[in-house]
C-alpha atoms as a PDB file:
ATOM      1  CA  TYR A   1      -0.316   0.261   0.015  1.00  0.00           C
ATOM      2  CA  HIS A   2       1.777   3.091  -1.377  1.00  0.00           C
ATOM      3  CA  GLY A   3      -0.914   6.028   0.327  1.00  0.00           C
ATOM      4  CA  ALA A   4      -2.298   8.723  -2.195  1.00  0.00           C
ATOM      5  CA  THR A   5      -0.760  11.526   0.556  1.00  0.00           C
ATOM      6  CA  PRO A   6       2.855  10.579  -0.381  1.00  0.00           C
ATOM      7  CA  ALA A   7       2.183  10.848  -3.880  1.00  0.00           C
ATOM      8  CA  LEU A   8       0.295  14.893  -2.988  1.00  0.00           C
ATOM      9  CA  LEU A   9       2.950  16.249  -1.381  1.00  0.00           C
ATOM     10  CA  LEU A  10       6.216  14.366  -3.104  1.00  0.00           C
ATOM     11  CA  PHE A  11       5.989  12.470  -5.557  1.00  0.00           C
ATOM     12  CA  GLY A  12       3.662  14.010  -7.621  1.00  0.00           C
ATOM     13  CA  PRO A  13       5.549  17.106  -8.021  1.00  0.00           C
ATOM     14  CA  TRP A  14       8.738  15.803  -8.360  1.00  0.00           C
ATOM     15  CA  TYR A  15       7.652  13.693 -11.574  1.00  0.00           C
ATOM     16  CA  LEU A  16       5.938  17.349 -12.744  1.00  0.00           C
ATOM     17  CA  ILE A  17       9.061  18.836 -12.668  1.00  0.00           C
ATOM     18  CA  THR A  18      11.412  16.162 -13.756  1.00  0.00           C
ATOM     19  CA  ARG A  19       9.867  13.358 -15.839  1.00  0.00           C
ATOM     20  CA  HIS A  20      11.786  10.931 -13.079  1.00  0.00           C
ATOM     21  CA  ASP A  21      10.772   8.897 -10.054  1.00  0.00           C
ATOM     22  CA  PHE A  22      11.884   9.799  -6.849  1.00  0.00           C
ATOM     23  CA  PRO A  23      13.870   7.289  -4.713  1.00  0.00           C
ATOM     24  CA  GLU A  24      11.045   5.551  -1.756  1.00  0.00           C
ATOM     25  CA  ASN A  25      13.649   5.401   0.528  1.00  0.00           C
ATOM     26  CA  PHE A  26      15.305   8.614  -0.040  1.00  0.00           C
ATOM     27  CA  ALA A  27      10.886   9.763   0.321  1.00  0.00           C
ATOM     28  CA  ALA A  28      11.011   8.147   3.595  1.00  0.00           C
ATOM     29  CA  PHE A  29      14.313   9.106   5.334  1.00  0.00           C
ATOM     30  CA  LEU A  30      12.796  12.696   4.045  1.00  0.00           C
ATOM     31  CA  PHE A  31       9.815  12.529   5.786  1.00  0.00           C
ATOM     32  CA  ALA A  32      10.642  10.931   8.735  1.00  0.00           C
ATOM     33  CA  LEU A  33      13.807  13.667   9.090  1.00  0.00           C
ATOM     34  CA  GLY A  34      10.618  16.229   8.521  1.00  0.00           C
ATOM     35  CA  GLY A  35       8.602  14.430  10.926  1.00  0.00           C
ATOM     36  CA  TYR A  36      10.708  14.317  13.971  1.00  0.00           C
ATOM     37  CA  LEU A  37      12.298  18.572  13.386  1.00  0.00           C
ATOM     38  CA  PHE A  38       8.493  18.968  13.887  1.00  0.00           C
ATOM     39  CA  LEU A  39       8.571  17.142  16.933  1.00  0.00           C
ATOM     40  CA  ALA A  40      11.193  18.474  17.693  1.00  0.00           C
ATOM     41  CA  ALA A  41       9.906  22.189  18.032  1.00  0.00           C
ATOM     42  CA  LEU A  42       7.233  20.873  19.419  1.00  0.00           C
ATOM     43  CA  PHE A  43       9.659  19.698  21.669  1.00  0.00           C
ATOM     44  CA  ILE A  44      10.865  23.144  22.721  1.00  0.00           C
ATOM     45  CA  ARG A  45       7.678  25.169  22.294  1.00  0.00           C
ATOM     46  CA  VAL A  46       6.087  22.931  24.867  1.00  0.00           C
ATOM     47  CA  PHE A  47       9.234  23.735  27.360  1.00  0.00           C
ATOM     48  CA  SER A  48       9.438  27.107  26.493  1.00  0.00           C
ATOM     49  CA  SER A  49       5.596  28.231  27.057  1.00  0.00           C
ATOM     50  CA  LEU A  50       7.123  25.913  30.391  1.00  0.00           C
ATOM     51  CA  SER A  51       9.602  27.816  31.235  1.00  0.00           C
ATOM     52  CA  ILE A  52      10.606  25.062  32.405  1.00  0.00           C
ATOM     53  CA  ARG A  53      14.888  25.217  32.116  1.00  0.00           C
ATOM     54  CA  LEU A  54      17.073  21.730  31.162  1.00  0.00           C
ATOM     55  CA  PRO A  55      20.337  21.623  31.812  1.00  0.00           C
ATOM     56  CA  LEU A  56      21.876  21.622  27.409  1.00  0.00           C
ATOM     57  CA  GLY A  57      22.867  17.997  28.507  1.00  0.00           C
ATOM     58  CA  LEU A  58      19.581  16.584  29.787  1.00  0.00           C
ATOM     59  CA  TYR A  59      17.579  19.139  27.043  1.00  0.00           C
ATOM     60  CA  ILE A  60      20.177  16.704  24.311  1.00  0.00           C
ATOM     61  CA  LEU A  61      19.498  13.796  25.362  1.00  0.00           C
ATOM     62  CA  PHE A  62      15.782  14.012  25.300  1.00  0.00           C
ATOM     63  CA  LEU A  63      16.223  15.474  21.509  1.00  0.00           C
ATOM     64  CA  LEU A  64      18.019  12.366  21.053  1.00  0.00           C
ATOM     65  CA  ALA A  65      15.808  10.083  22.631  1.00  0.00           C
ATOM     66  CA  LEU A  66      12.819  11.965  20.816  1.00  0.00           C
ATOM     67  CA  GLY A  67      14.836  11.248  17.479  1.00  0.00           C
ATOM     68  CA  VAL A  68      15.538   6.674  18.447  1.00  0.00           C
ATOM     69  CA  GLY A  69      13.227   5.883  20.548  1.00  0.00           C
ATOM     70  CA  GLN A  70      10.688   5.156  18.511  1.00  0.00           C
ATOM     71  CA  SER A  71       9.718   2.671  15.341  1.00  0.00           C
ATOM     72  CA  VAL A  72      10.757   4.787  13.099  1.00  0.00           C
ATOM     73  CA  PRO A  73      15.107   3.759  12.466  1.00  0.00           C
ATOM     74  CA  PHE A  74      13.824   0.369  12.086  1.00  0.00           C
ATOM     75  CA  LEU A  75      11.571   1.278   9.578  1.00  0.00           C
ATOM     76  CA  LEU A  76      14.227   3.522   7.680  1.00  0.00           C
ATOM     77  CA  HIS A  77      15.251   0.168   8.020  1.00  0.00           C
ATOM     78  CA  ARG A  78      14.199  -1.588   4.612  1.00  0.00           C
ATOM     79  CA  ALA A  79      12.347   1.443   3.453  1.00  0.00           C
ATOM     80  CA  LYS A  80      10.364  -0.004   0.217  1.00  0.00           C
ATOM     81  CA  VAL A  81       6.156   0.912  -0.324  1.00  0.00           C
ATOM     82  CA  TYR A  82       4.032   1.400   2.348  1.00  0.00           C
ATOM     83  CA  GLU A  83       7.432   2.230   4.952  1.00  0.00           C
ATOM     84  CA  VAL A  84       6.890   5.883   2.805  1.00  0.00           C
ATOM     85  CA  ALA A  85       3.274   6.158   3.670  1.00  0.00           C
ATOM     86  CA  ILE A  86       3.543   5.178   7.231  1.00  0.00           C
ATOM     87  CA  ALA A  87       6.925   8.084   7.273  1.00  0.00           C
ATOM     88  CA  CYS A  88       4.480   9.567   5.388  1.00  0.00           C
ATOM     89  CA  GLY A  89       2.048   9.741   7.924  1.00  0.00           C
ATOM     90  CA  TYR A  90       4.491  10.551  10.196  1.00  0.00           C
ATOM     91  CA  PHE A  91       5.478  13.560   9.082  1.00  0.00           C
ATOM     92  CA  CYS A  92       1.534  14.465   8.847  1.00  0.00           C
ATOM     93  CA  LEU A  93       0.787  13.528  12.866  1.00  0.00           C
ATOM     94  CA  GLY A  94       4.053  15.656  13.716  1.00  0.00           C
ATOM     95  CA  SER A  95       3.291  19.200  11.510  1.00  0.00           C
ATOM     96  CA  GLY A  96      -0.077  18.649  12.614  1.00  0.00           C
ATOM     97  CA  PHE A  97       0.382  18.191  16.601  1.00  0.00           C
ATOM     98  CA  TYR A  98       3.219  21.306  15.895  1.00  0.00           C
ATOM     99  CA  PHE A  99       0.650  23.547  14.412  1.00  0.00           C
ATOM    100  CA  LEU A 100      -2.691  22.846  16.582  1.00  0.00           C
ATOM    101  CA  PHE A 101      -0.513  23.492  20.135  1.00  0.00           C
ATOM    102  CA  ARG A 102       1.016  26.714  17.938  1.00  0.00           C
ATOM    103  CA  LEU A 103      -3.097  27.732  17.661  1.00  0.00           C
ATOM    104  CA  LEU A 104      -3.737  26.801  21.135  1.00  0.00           C
ATOM    105  CA  ALA A 105      -0.375  28.430  22.579  1.00  0.00           C
ATOM    106  CA  VAL A 106      -0.627  31.260  21.711  1.00  0.00           C
ATOM    107  CA  SER A 107      -2.925  34.382  23.394  1.00  0.00           C
ATOM    108  CA  LYS A 108      -4.094  36.210  19.141  1.00  0.00           C
ATOM    109  CA  ARG A 109      -5.133  33.147  17.679  1.00  0.00           C
ATOM    110  CA  SER A 110      -4.121  32.770  13.790  1.00  0.00           C
ATOM    111  CA  GLY A 111      -6.287  30.653  11.909  1.00  0.00           C
ATOM    112  CA  LEU A 112      -3.783  29.868   9.779  1.00  0.00           C
ATOM    113  CA  TRP A 113      -2.397  27.318  12.185  1.00  0.00           C
ATOM    114  CA  GLY A 114      -5.680  26.233  12.737  1.00  0.00           C
ATOM    115  CA  VAL A 115      -5.957  25.230   9.121  1.00  0.00           C
ATOM    116  CA  LEU A 116      -2.447  23.846   8.719  1.00  0.00           C
ATOM    117  CA  ALA A 117      -3.586  21.540  11.665  1.00  0.00           C
ATOM    118  CA  GLY A 118      -6.777  20.573   9.923  1.00  0.00           C
ATOM    119  CA  ILE A 119      -5.094  20.372   6.886  1.00  0.00           C
ATOM    120  CA  TYR A 120      -1.812  17.970   8.529  1.00  0.00           C
ATOM    121  CA  PHE A 121      -4.236  16.052  10.286  1.00  0.00           C
ATOM    122  CA  GLY A 122      -6.166  15.394   7.017  1.00  0.00           C
ATOM    123  CA  LEU A 123      -3.354  14.214   5.489  1.00  0.00           C
ATOM    124  CA  ALA A 124      -1.917  11.724   7.633  1.00  0.00           C
ATOM    125  CA  ILE A 125      -5.190   9.963   6.610  1.00  0.00           C
ATOM    126  CA  GLY A 126      -3.929   8.965   3.337  1.00  0.00           C
END
């Protein structure tokens, strides 16, 4: 199963621009990296909004555990067809939670964060 969302976000635009297929293993890596970056940004925003100051070593350890303490490194071991869809879902959920937190954490609510959260949560289904 290859899902429609990876084709919509990455494979389709790449093919329209270059007329070549995008490598599936690199696509899974890009989606996994993007998901990690959104979750790391969410982690940083949550801690800064709570005014919690951590030592730098513990902060780095938390970010490292966020990256390797889950199933994504195992998923990237052999990224073929359905692993790309799983990595894309991880990316969409991570970005959806990041945008949702941005919407809920600020006092001046911008509808843009809500729209982006809804779009990415909807794309996670695909």
